[in-house]
N, C-alpha and C. Protein backbone atom coordinates (compact mmCIF):
# COMPACT_ATOMS: atom_id res chain seq x y z
N MET A 1 -3.64 23.37 21.03
CA MET A 1 -3.13 22.29 20.19
C MET A 1 -4.11 21.13 20.26
N ALA A 2 -4.45 20.59 19.10
CA ALA A 2 -5.41 19.48 19.03
C ALA A 2 -4.79 18.21 19.60
N LYS A 3 -5.60 17.47 20.31
CA LYS A 3 -5.14 16.21 20.88
C LYS A 3 -5.05 15.17 19.77
N LYS A 4 -3.96 14.43 19.74
CA LYS A 4 -3.78 13.40 18.74
C LYS A 4 -4.77 12.27 19.01
N GLN A 5 -5.49 11.89 17.96
CA GLN A 5 -6.47 10.80 18.09
C GLN A 5 -5.73 9.49 18.27
N HIS A 6 -6.13 8.70 19.25
CA HIS A 6 -5.51 7.41 19.48
C HIS A 6 -6.09 6.39 18.50
N VAL A 7 -5.20 5.67 17.84
CA VAL A 7 -5.61 4.60 16.93
C VAL A 7 -5.03 3.32 17.49
N SER A 8 -5.89 2.33 17.68
CA SER A 8 -5.41 1.07 18.26
C SER A 8 -4.46 0.35 17.31
N GLU A 9 -3.70 -0.54 17.88
CA GLU A 9 -2.69 -1.30 17.16
C GLU A 9 -3.32 -2.12 16.04
N THR A 10 -2.61 -2.22 14.92
CA THR A 10 -3.00 -3.09 13.80
C THR A 10 -1.85 -4.07 13.58
N PRO A 11 -2.07 -5.12 12.81
CA PRO A 11 -0.94 -6.02 12.50
C PRO A 11 0.23 -5.25 11.86
N ALA A 12 -0.08 -4.23 11.07
CA ALA A 12 0.97 -3.43 10.42
C ALA A 12 1.80 -2.66 11.45
N THR A 13 1.13 -1.95 12.35
CA THR A 13 1.88 -1.16 13.35
C THR A 13 2.60 -2.08 14.32
N HIS A 14 2.00 -3.21 14.63
CA HIS A 14 2.67 -4.18 15.51
C HIS A 14 3.98 -4.65 14.89
N LEU A 15 3.95 -4.99 13.59
CA LEU A 15 5.17 -5.43 12.90
C LEU A 15 6.22 -4.32 12.87
N LEU A 16 5.80 -3.11 12.51
CA LEU A 16 6.76 -2.00 12.42
C LEU A 16 7.39 -1.70 13.78
N ARG A 17 6.58 -1.70 14.83
CA ARG A 17 7.13 -1.45 16.18
C ARG A 17 8.10 -2.57 16.58
N ALA A 18 7.73 -3.82 16.29
CA ALA A 18 8.60 -4.96 16.63
C ALA A 18 9.94 -4.88 15.91
N GLU A 19 9.93 -4.29 14.72
CA GLU A 19 11.17 -4.15 13.93
C GLU A 19 11.91 -2.85 14.24
N GLY A 20 11.36 -2.04 15.13
CA GLY A 20 12.01 -0.79 15.50
C GLY A 20 11.93 0.28 14.43
N ILE A 21 10.91 0.22 13.59
CA ILE A 21 10.74 1.19 12.51
C ILE A 21 9.91 2.37 13.01
N ALA A 22 10.46 3.57 12.86
CA ALA A 22 9.74 4.80 13.27
C ALA A 22 8.73 5.17 12.20
N PHE A 23 7.57 5.60 12.62
CA PHE A 23 6.55 6.04 11.67
C PHE A 23 5.68 7.12 12.29
N ASP A 24 5.10 7.94 11.43
CA ASP A 24 4.12 8.95 11.83
C ASP A 24 2.74 8.37 11.57
N GLU A 25 1.74 8.85 12.31
CA GLU A 25 0.38 8.37 12.14
C GLU A 25 -0.51 9.51 11.65
N TYR A 26 -1.35 9.20 10.67
CA TYR A 26 -2.31 10.16 10.13
C TYR A 26 -3.69 9.52 10.13
N SER A 27 -4.62 10.11 10.84
CA SER A 27 -6.00 9.63 10.85
C SER A 27 -6.87 10.64 10.10
N TYR A 28 -7.85 10.14 9.39
CA TYR A 28 -8.77 10.99 8.66
C TYR A 28 -10.11 10.27 8.50
N GLU A 29 -11.11 11.01 8.11
CA GLU A 29 -12.44 10.43 7.89
C GLU A 29 -12.43 9.68 6.57
N TRP A 30 -12.52 8.36 6.65
CA TRP A 30 -12.49 7.52 5.46
C TRP A 30 -13.77 7.69 4.66
N GLU A 31 -13.63 7.66 3.35
CA GLU A 31 -14.78 7.81 2.46
C GLU A 31 -14.76 6.68 1.44
N PRO A 32 -15.86 5.91 1.31
CA PRO A 32 -15.90 4.84 0.31
C PRO A 32 -15.58 5.38 -1.08
N HIS A 33 -14.74 4.70 -1.78
CA HIS A 33 -14.31 5.07 -3.14
C HIS A 33 -13.52 6.37 -3.19
N GLY A 34 -13.09 6.87 -2.04
CA GLY A 34 -12.30 8.10 -2.00
C GLY A 34 -10.86 7.86 -2.41
N GLY A 35 -10.33 6.72 -2.00
CA GLY A 35 -8.99 6.32 -2.38
C GLY A 35 -7.89 7.24 -1.86
N ALA A 36 -6.72 7.05 -2.46
CA ALA A 36 -5.53 7.79 -2.04
C ALA A 36 -5.66 9.28 -2.33
N ARG A 37 -6.37 9.63 -3.39
CA ARG A 37 -6.55 11.05 -3.70
C ARG A 37 -7.33 11.76 -2.58
N HIS A 38 -8.36 11.10 -2.07
CA HIS A 38 -9.15 11.68 -0.98
C HIS A 38 -8.29 11.84 0.27
N SER A 39 -7.57 10.81 0.64
CA SER A 39 -6.76 10.89 1.85
C SER A 39 -5.69 11.97 1.71
N ALA A 40 -5.08 12.07 0.53
CA ALA A 40 -4.07 13.10 0.30
C ALA A 40 -4.68 14.50 0.45
N GLU A 41 -5.85 14.68 -0.13
CA GLU A 41 -6.51 15.99 -0.06
C GLU A 41 -6.87 16.36 1.38
N VAL A 42 -7.47 15.42 2.11
CA VAL A 42 -7.89 15.67 3.49
C VAL A 42 -6.69 15.96 4.39
N LEU A 43 -5.59 15.25 4.17
CA LEU A 43 -4.42 15.40 5.03
C LEU A 43 -3.44 16.45 4.53
N GLY A 44 -3.70 17.03 3.36
CA GLY A 44 -2.79 18.04 2.82
C GLY A 44 -1.49 17.46 2.31
N LEU A 45 -1.54 16.23 1.80
CA LEU A 45 -0.35 15.55 1.29
C LEU A 45 -0.36 15.53 -0.23
N ASP A 46 0.80 15.38 -0.83
CA ASP A 46 0.92 15.22 -2.28
C ASP A 46 0.44 13.81 -2.64
N PRO A 47 -0.55 13.67 -3.54
CA PRO A 47 -1.05 12.33 -3.89
C PRO A 47 0.04 11.42 -4.47
N PHE A 48 1.12 12.02 -5.00
CA PHE A 48 2.23 11.23 -5.54
C PHE A 48 2.96 10.51 -4.41
N SER A 49 2.92 11.09 -3.19
CA SER A 49 3.63 10.48 -2.05
C SER A 49 2.73 9.60 -1.19
N VAL A 50 1.43 9.59 -1.50
CA VAL A 50 0.51 8.68 -0.81
C VAL A 50 0.50 7.39 -1.63
N VAL A 51 0.89 6.30 -1.01
CA VAL A 51 1.06 5.04 -1.73
C VAL A 51 -0.11 4.11 -1.44
N LYS A 52 -0.73 3.64 -2.52
CA LYS A 52 -1.83 2.69 -2.36
C LYS A 52 -1.30 1.26 -2.43
N THR A 53 -1.94 0.37 -1.67
CA THR A 53 -1.59 -1.04 -1.61
C THR A 53 -2.66 -1.81 -2.36
N LEU A 54 -2.28 -2.42 -3.47
CA LEU A 54 -3.21 -3.13 -4.33
C LEU A 54 -2.94 -4.62 -4.30
N VAL A 55 -3.96 -5.42 -4.02
CA VAL A 55 -3.81 -6.87 -4.04
C VAL A 55 -4.27 -7.35 -5.42
N MET A 56 -3.36 -8.00 -6.13
CA MET A 56 -3.62 -8.49 -7.48
C MET A 56 -3.32 -9.98 -7.52
N GLN A 57 -3.53 -10.57 -8.69
CA GLN A 57 -3.23 -11.99 -8.85
C GLN A 57 -2.71 -12.23 -10.26
N ASN A 58 -1.91 -13.32 -10.38
CA ASN A 58 -1.42 -13.68 -11.71
C ASN A 58 -2.39 -14.66 -12.37
N GLN A 59 -1.99 -15.20 -13.50
CA GLN A 59 -2.85 -16.10 -14.26
C GLN A 59 -3.19 -17.38 -13.50
N ASP A 60 -2.40 -17.75 -12.52
CA ASP A 60 -2.64 -18.94 -11.71
C ASP A 60 -3.39 -18.60 -10.41
N ARG A 61 -3.88 -17.38 -10.33
CA ARG A 61 -4.59 -16.86 -9.16
C ARG A 61 -3.71 -16.80 -7.91
N GLN A 62 -2.40 -16.69 -8.12
CA GLN A 62 -1.48 -16.50 -7.02
C GLN A 62 -1.46 -15.01 -6.69
N PRO A 63 -1.72 -14.64 -5.42
CA PRO A 63 -1.80 -13.22 -5.07
C PRO A 63 -0.44 -12.53 -5.00
N LEU A 64 -0.47 -11.23 -5.22
CA LEU A 64 0.72 -10.39 -5.11
C LEU A 64 0.26 -9.00 -4.74
N ILE A 65 1.17 -8.23 -4.19
CA ILE A 65 0.87 -6.86 -3.79
C ILE A 65 1.65 -5.90 -4.67
N VAL A 66 0.98 -4.83 -5.09
CA VAL A 66 1.62 -3.77 -5.87
C VAL A 66 1.47 -2.48 -5.08
N LEU A 67 2.56 -1.78 -4.87
CA LEU A 67 2.57 -0.48 -4.21
C LEU A 67 2.72 0.58 -5.30
N MET A 68 1.72 1.48 -5.37
CA MET A 68 1.67 2.45 -6.46
C MET A 68 1.34 3.84 -5.90
N HIS A 69 1.85 4.86 -6.59
CA HIS A 69 1.54 6.25 -6.25
C HIS A 69 0.02 6.44 -6.24
N GLY A 70 -0.46 7.29 -5.35
CA GLY A 70 -1.89 7.53 -5.23
C GLY A 70 -2.53 8.14 -6.45
N ASN A 71 -1.75 8.81 -7.28
CA ASN A 71 -2.31 9.44 -8.47
C ASN A 71 -1.85 8.75 -9.76
N ARG A 72 -1.53 7.48 -9.65
CA ARG A 72 -1.13 6.68 -10.82
C ARG A 72 -1.91 5.36 -10.80
N SER A 73 -2.01 4.74 -11.97
CA SER A 73 -2.62 3.43 -12.11
C SER A 73 -1.53 2.43 -12.45
N VAL A 74 -1.86 1.15 -12.35
CA VAL A 74 -0.92 0.08 -12.68
C VAL A 74 -1.18 -0.40 -14.11
N SER A 75 -0.14 -0.43 -14.93
CA SER A 75 -0.23 -1.09 -16.23
C SER A 75 -0.02 -2.57 -15.96
N THR A 76 -1.11 -3.32 -15.98
CA THR A 76 -1.00 -4.75 -15.66
C THR A 76 -0.19 -5.49 -16.72
N LYS A 77 -0.20 -5.00 -17.96
CA LYS A 77 0.60 -5.64 -19.02
C LYS A 77 2.08 -5.45 -18.75
N GLN A 78 2.47 -4.21 -18.41
CA GLN A 78 3.88 -3.95 -18.09
C GLN A 78 4.31 -4.73 -16.86
N LEU A 79 3.45 -4.76 -15.84
CA LEU A 79 3.78 -5.48 -14.62
C LEU A 79 3.97 -6.96 -14.91
N ALA A 80 3.03 -7.56 -15.63
CA ALA A 80 3.12 -8.99 -15.96
C ALA A 80 4.43 -9.29 -16.69
N ARG A 81 4.76 -8.47 -17.66
CA ARG A 81 6.00 -8.67 -18.43
C ARG A 81 7.22 -8.63 -17.51
N GLN A 82 7.24 -7.68 -16.58
CA GLN A 82 8.41 -7.51 -15.72
C GLN A 82 8.56 -8.60 -14.67
N ILE A 83 7.44 -9.20 -14.25
CA ILE A 83 7.54 -10.23 -13.21
C ILE A 83 7.48 -11.64 -13.78
N GLY A 84 7.43 -11.75 -15.11
CA GLY A 84 7.43 -13.05 -15.75
C GLY A 84 6.10 -13.78 -15.67
N ALA A 85 5.01 -13.02 -15.60
CA ALA A 85 3.67 -13.63 -15.56
C ALA A 85 3.01 -13.45 -16.93
N LYS A 86 2.08 -14.32 -17.24
CA LYS A 86 1.33 -14.19 -18.49
C LYS A 86 0.29 -13.09 -18.36
N GLN A 87 -0.25 -12.95 -17.15
CA GLN A 87 -1.32 -11.99 -16.92
C GLN A 87 -1.33 -11.58 -15.45
N VAL A 88 -1.72 -10.33 -15.18
CA VAL A 88 -1.94 -9.84 -13.82
C VAL A 88 -3.25 -9.06 -13.85
N GLU A 89 -4.06 -9.26 -12.82
CA GLU A 89 -5.32 -8.55 -12.71
C GLU A 89 -5.63 -8.31 -11.24
N PRO A 90 -6.46 -7.29 -10.96
CA PRO A 90 -6.85 -7.07 -9.57
C PRO A 90 -7.66 -8.25 -9.04
N CYS A 91 -7.51 -8.54 -7.77
CA CYS A 91 -8.32 -9.57 -7.12
C CYS A 91 -9.71 -9.00 -6.85
N ALA A 92 -10.70 -9.86 -6.79
CA ALA A 92 -12.02 -9.45 -6.33
C ALA A 92 -11.88 -9.00 -4.87
N VAL A 93 -12.75 -8.09 -4.44
CA VAL A 93 -12.67 -7.52 -3.10
C VAL A 93 -12.58 -8.60 -2.03
N GLU A 94 -13.49 -9.57 -2.05
CA GLU A 94 -13.49 -10.60 -1.00
C GLU A 94 -12.23 -11.46 -1.05
N VAL A 95 -11.68 -11.69 -2.23
CA VAL A 95 -10.44 -12.47 -2.36
C VAL A 95 -9.27 -11.67 -1.80
N ALA A 96 -9.20 -10.38 -2.13
CA ALA A 96 -8.14 -9.52 -1.62
C ALA A 96 -8.17 -9.47 -0.10
N GLN A 97 -9.37 -9.36 0.46
CA GLN A 97 -9.51 -9.30 1.92
C GLN A 97 -9.10 -10.62 2.56
N ARG A 98 -9.41 -11.73 1.92
CA ARG A 98 -9.03 -13.03 2.47
C ARG A 98 -7.51 -13.20 2.47
N HIS A 99 -6.85 -12.77 1.40
CA HIS A 99 -5.39 -12.90 1.32
C HIS A 99 -4.67 -11.97 2.29
N SER A 100 -5.15 -10.71 2.37
CA SER A 100 -4.42 -9.71 3.16
C SER A 100 -4.80 -9.72 4.63
N GLY A 101 -6.05 -10.08 4.92
CA GLY A 101 -6.54 -9.99 6.30
C GLY A 101 -7.02 -8.59 6.64
N TYR A 102 -7.02 -7.70 5.67
CA TYR A 102 -7.47 -6.32 5.86
C TYR A 102 -8.70 -6.05 4.99
N LEU A 103 -9.52 -5.10 5.42
CA LEU A 103 -10.63 -4.65 4.58
C LEU A 103 -10.07 -3.81 3.44
N VAL A 104 -10.63 -3.97 2.24
CA VAL A 104 -10.22 -3.12 1.13
C VAL A 104 -10.52 -1.67 1.53
N GLY A 105 -9.56 -0.80 1.26
CA GLY A 105 -9.65 0.58 1.72
C GLY A 105 -8.82 0.78 2.98
N GLY A 106 -8.38 -0.32 3.57
CA GLY A 106 -7.54 -0.30 4.77
C GLY A 106 -6.41 -1.30 4.67
N THR A 107 -6.05 -1.67 3.44
CA THR A 107 -5.02 -2.70 3.23
C THR A 107 -3.63 -2.12 3.38
N SER A 108 -2.85 -2.72 4.24
CA SER A 108 -1.45 -2.37 4.42
C SER A 108 -0.61 -3.52 3.86
N PRO A 109 0.57 -3.22 3.32
CA PRO A 109 1.44 -4.30 2.87
C PRO A 109 2.16 -4.97 4.05
N PHE A 110 2.09 -4.34 5.21
CA PHE A 110 2.77 -4.85 6.40
C PHE A 110 1.81 -5.69 7.23
N GLY A 111 2.26 -6.84 7.69
CA GLY A 111 1.45 -7.66 8.58
C GLY A 111 0.27 -8.33 7.90
N THR A 112 0.43 -8.69 6.64
CA THR A 112 -0.66 -9.37 5.94
C THR A 112 -0.85 -10.78 6.47
N ARG A 113 -2.07 -11.28 6.34
CA ARG A 113 -2.40 -12.63 6.79
C ARG A 113 -1.56 -13.67 6.04
N ARG A 114 -1.41 -13.47 4.75
CA ARG A 114 -0.69 -14.40 3.90
C ARG A 114 0.54 -13.70 3.33
N ALA A 115 1.67 -14.39 3.34
CA ALA A 115 2.87 -13.82 2.73
C ALA A 115 2.68 -13.79 1.22
N MET A 116 2.92 -12.64 0.62
CA MET A 116 2.76 -12.47 -0.82
C MET A 116 3.95 -11.70 -1.36
N PRO A 117 4.35 -11.96 -2.61
CA PRO A 117 5.40 -11.12 -3.19
C PRO A 117 4.91 -9.68 -3.31
N VAL A 118 5.82 -8.74 -3.08
CA VAL A 118 5.47 -7.32 -3.12
C VAL A 118 6.30 -6.65 -4.20
N TYR A 119 5.62 -5.85 -5.02
CA TYR A 119 6.26 -5.08 -6.08
C TYR A 119 5.97 -3.62 -5.83
N ILE A 120 7.01 -2.79 -5.96
CA ILE A 120 6.88 -1.36 -5.67
C ILE A 120 7.29 -0.57 -6.90
N GLU A 121 6.46 0.40 -7.27
CA GLU A 121 6.80 1.28 -8.38
C GLU A 121 8.14 1.95 -8.03
N ARG A 122 9.09 1.80 -8.94
CA ARG A 122 10.48 2.23 -8.69
C ARG A 122 10.59 3.68 -8.23
N SER A 123 9.80 4.58 -8.81
CA SER A 123 9.92 6.00 -8.46
C SER A 123 9.47 6.31 -7.03
N ILE A 124 8.74 5.41 -6.40
CA ILE A 124 8.37 5.61 -4.99
C ILE A 124 9.63 5.62 -4.13
N LEU A 125 10.61 4.84 -4.51
CA LEU A 125 11.84 4.72 -3.73
C LEU A 125 12.68 6.00 -3.75
N ASP A 126 12.39 6.91 -4.70
CA ASP A 126 13.10 8.18 -4.78
C ASP A 126 12.53 9.23 -3.83
N LEU A 127 11.36 8.96 -3.26
CA LEU A 127 10.73 9.91 -2.36
C LEU A 127 11.38 9.87 -0.97
N PRO A 128 11.48 11.01 -0.29
CA PRO A 128 12.09 11.01 1.04
C PRO A 128 11.19 10.34 2.08
N ARG A 129 9.87 10.42 1.88
CA ARG A 129 8.91 9.86 2.83
C ARG A 129 7.61 9.58 2.08
N ILE A 130 6.93 8.51 2.49
CA ILE A 130 5.64 8.18 1.89
C ILE A 130 4.59 8.02 2.99
N ALA A 131 3.34 8.12 2.60
CA ALA A 131 2.22 7.81 3.49
C ALA A 131 1.57 6.56 2.91
N ILE A 132 1.46 5.52 3.72
CA ILE A 132 0.95 4.23 3.27
C ILE A 132 -0.05 3.71 4.29
N ASN A 133 -0.99 2.90 3.87
CA ASN A 133 -2.04 2.47 4.78
C ASN A 133 -1.47 1.72 5.98
N GLY A 134 -2.04 2.02 7.13
CA GLY A 134 -1.59 1.42 8.39
C GLY A 134 -2.42 0.23 8.84
N GLY A 135 -3.31 -0.26 7.98
CA GLY A 135 -4.07 -1.45 8.33
C GLY A 135 -5.48 -1.19 8.81
N ARG A 136 -5.96 0.00 8.54
CA ARG A 136 -7.33 0.36 8.93
C ARG A 136 -7.78 1.48 7.99
N ARG A 137 -9.06 1.47 7.65
CA ARG A 137 -9.60 2.55 6.83
C ARG A 137 -9.46 3.87 7.57
N GLY A 138 -8.97 4.90 6.87
CA GLY A 138 -8.80 6.21 7.50
C GLY A 138 -7.55 6.32 8.34
N TYR A 139 -6.54 5.52 8.05
CA TYR A 139 -5.33 5.50 8.87
C TYR A 139 -4.11 5.25 8.00
N LEU A 140 -3.25 6.27 7.88
CA LEU A 140 -2.02 6.16 7.10
C LEU A 140 -0.81 6.29 8.01
N LEU A 141 0.29 5.70 7.57
CA LEU A 141 1.56 5.78 8.28
C LEU A 141 2.57 6.50 7.41
N GLY A 142 3.32 7.41 7.99
CA GLY A 142 4.40 8.08 7.29
C GLY A 142 5.70 7.34 7.57
N ILE A 143 6.33 6.83 6.51
CA ILE A 143 7.57 6.06 6.67
C ILE A 143 8.55 6.38 5.54
N ASP A 144 9.78 5.96 5.73
CA ASP A 144 10.79 5.99 4.69
C ASP A 144 10.45 4.87 3.70
N PRO A 145 10.40 5.14 2.39
CA PRO A 145 10.02 4.07 1.45
C PRO A 145 10.99 2.89 1.43
N GLN A 146 12.21 3.10 1.89
CA GLN A 146 13.18 1.99 1.90
C GLN A 146 12.75 0.88 2.86
N VAL A 147 11.86 1.19 3.80
CA VAL A 147 11.32 0.18 4.71
C VAL A 147 10.62 -0.93 3.91
N CYS A 148 10.01 -0.55 2.78
CA CYS A 148 9.32 -1.55 1.94
C CYS A 148 10.31 -2.56 1.37
N ILE A 149 11.51 -2.10 1.07
CA ILE A 149 12.55 -3.02 0.58
C ILE A 149 13.07 -3.86 1.74
N GLN A 150 13.37 -3.21 2.87
CA GLN A 150 13.95 -3.90 4.02
C GLN A 150 13.02 -4.95 4.62
N LEU A 151 11.77 -4.59 4.89
CA LEU A 151 10.86 -5.51 5.58
C LEU A 151 10.08 -6.43 4.66
N LEU A 152 9.75 -5.94 3.46
CA LEU A 152 8.88 -6.70 2.57
C LEU A 152 9.62 -7.36 1.41
N GLN A 153 10.91 -7.05 1.29
CA GLN A 153 11.69 -7.50 0.14
C GLN A 153 10.98 -7.12 -1.16
N ALA A 154 10.39 -5.92 -1.17
CA ALA A 154 9.66 -5.44 -2.34
C ALA A 154 10.62 -5.32 -3.53
N GLN A 155 10.15 -5.77 -4.68
CA GLN A 155 10.92 -5.70 -5.92
C GLN A 155 10.50 -4.48 -6.71
N PRO A 156 11.44 -3.60 -7.08
CA PRO A 156 11.09 -2.42 -7.88
C PRO A 156 10.65 -2.82 -9.29
N VAL A 157 9.60 -2.15 -9.75
CA VAL A 157 9.08 -2.35 -11.11
C VAL A 157 8.74 -0.99 -11.70
N ASP A 158 8.59 -0.95 -13.02
CA ASP A 158 8.18 0.26 -13.73
C ASP A 158 6.87 -0.04 -14.44
N CYS A 159 5.76 0.29 -13.79
CA CYS A 159 4.45 -0.03 -14.37
C CYS A 159 3.40 1.04 -14.11
N ALA A 160 3.84 2.28 -13.84
CA ALA A 160 2.90 3.36 -13.53
C ALA A 160 2.31 3.97 -14.79
N LEU A 161 1.02 4.25 -14.72
CA LEU A 161 0.31 4.97 -15.77
C LEU A 161 -0.31 6.20 -15.14
N ALA A 162 -0.24 7.33 -15.85
CA ALA A 162 -0.90 8.55 -15.34
C ALA A 162 -2.40 8.32 -15.38
N GLU A 163 -3.10 8.80 -14.34
CA GLU A 163 -4.58 8.64 -14.31
C GLU A 163 -5.25 9.80 -14.99
C-alpha cells in the first residue's frame, strides 16, 4: 500500500479543521495551465465534480469568488445579471493572488486573505461530493458541497457554459 503523501497545513485546511469539517486529501503533480481537467484526469475523478475557484471582479473592481464545475465556463453576462452587477470579469493574476492570498492554480475559497462574496453554480450542490482546491497547487480536498453554503455563505447561481 502506498504511503499517503503528507501535505502541510494551509489556511483552507486550518479553517476546515477548526470548524470540524471532514475532508479527504488528494495530491497530484501540478501542471501550469492544466486546470481542473488535468487534476481530474490524474486523480481519476469526474471533471464535473472537480470544482474550480475563480476570483473575479465587478464593474467597481470589487472581488468575488465563483465556484464552477471543472469542465464548464462562467457566463459572466448571466452571472452579472443574477448578482445585480453591470459587469463581471476575471481578475488579473496578481490581483486575484492579492485578494485571495493564494497562488493562482492553488486558490481555495476557504481561508482567503480577504473576505469576498462567494457564488456557486447551483448544480454543484446536487453532487454528493466535490473535489476543490485545498490552498496549494497540486492539492485538492474532497468535501460535501453543502460546506460551501455553511462556511462561505455561497449564493447559488446559474451561469455555467459548456466548454
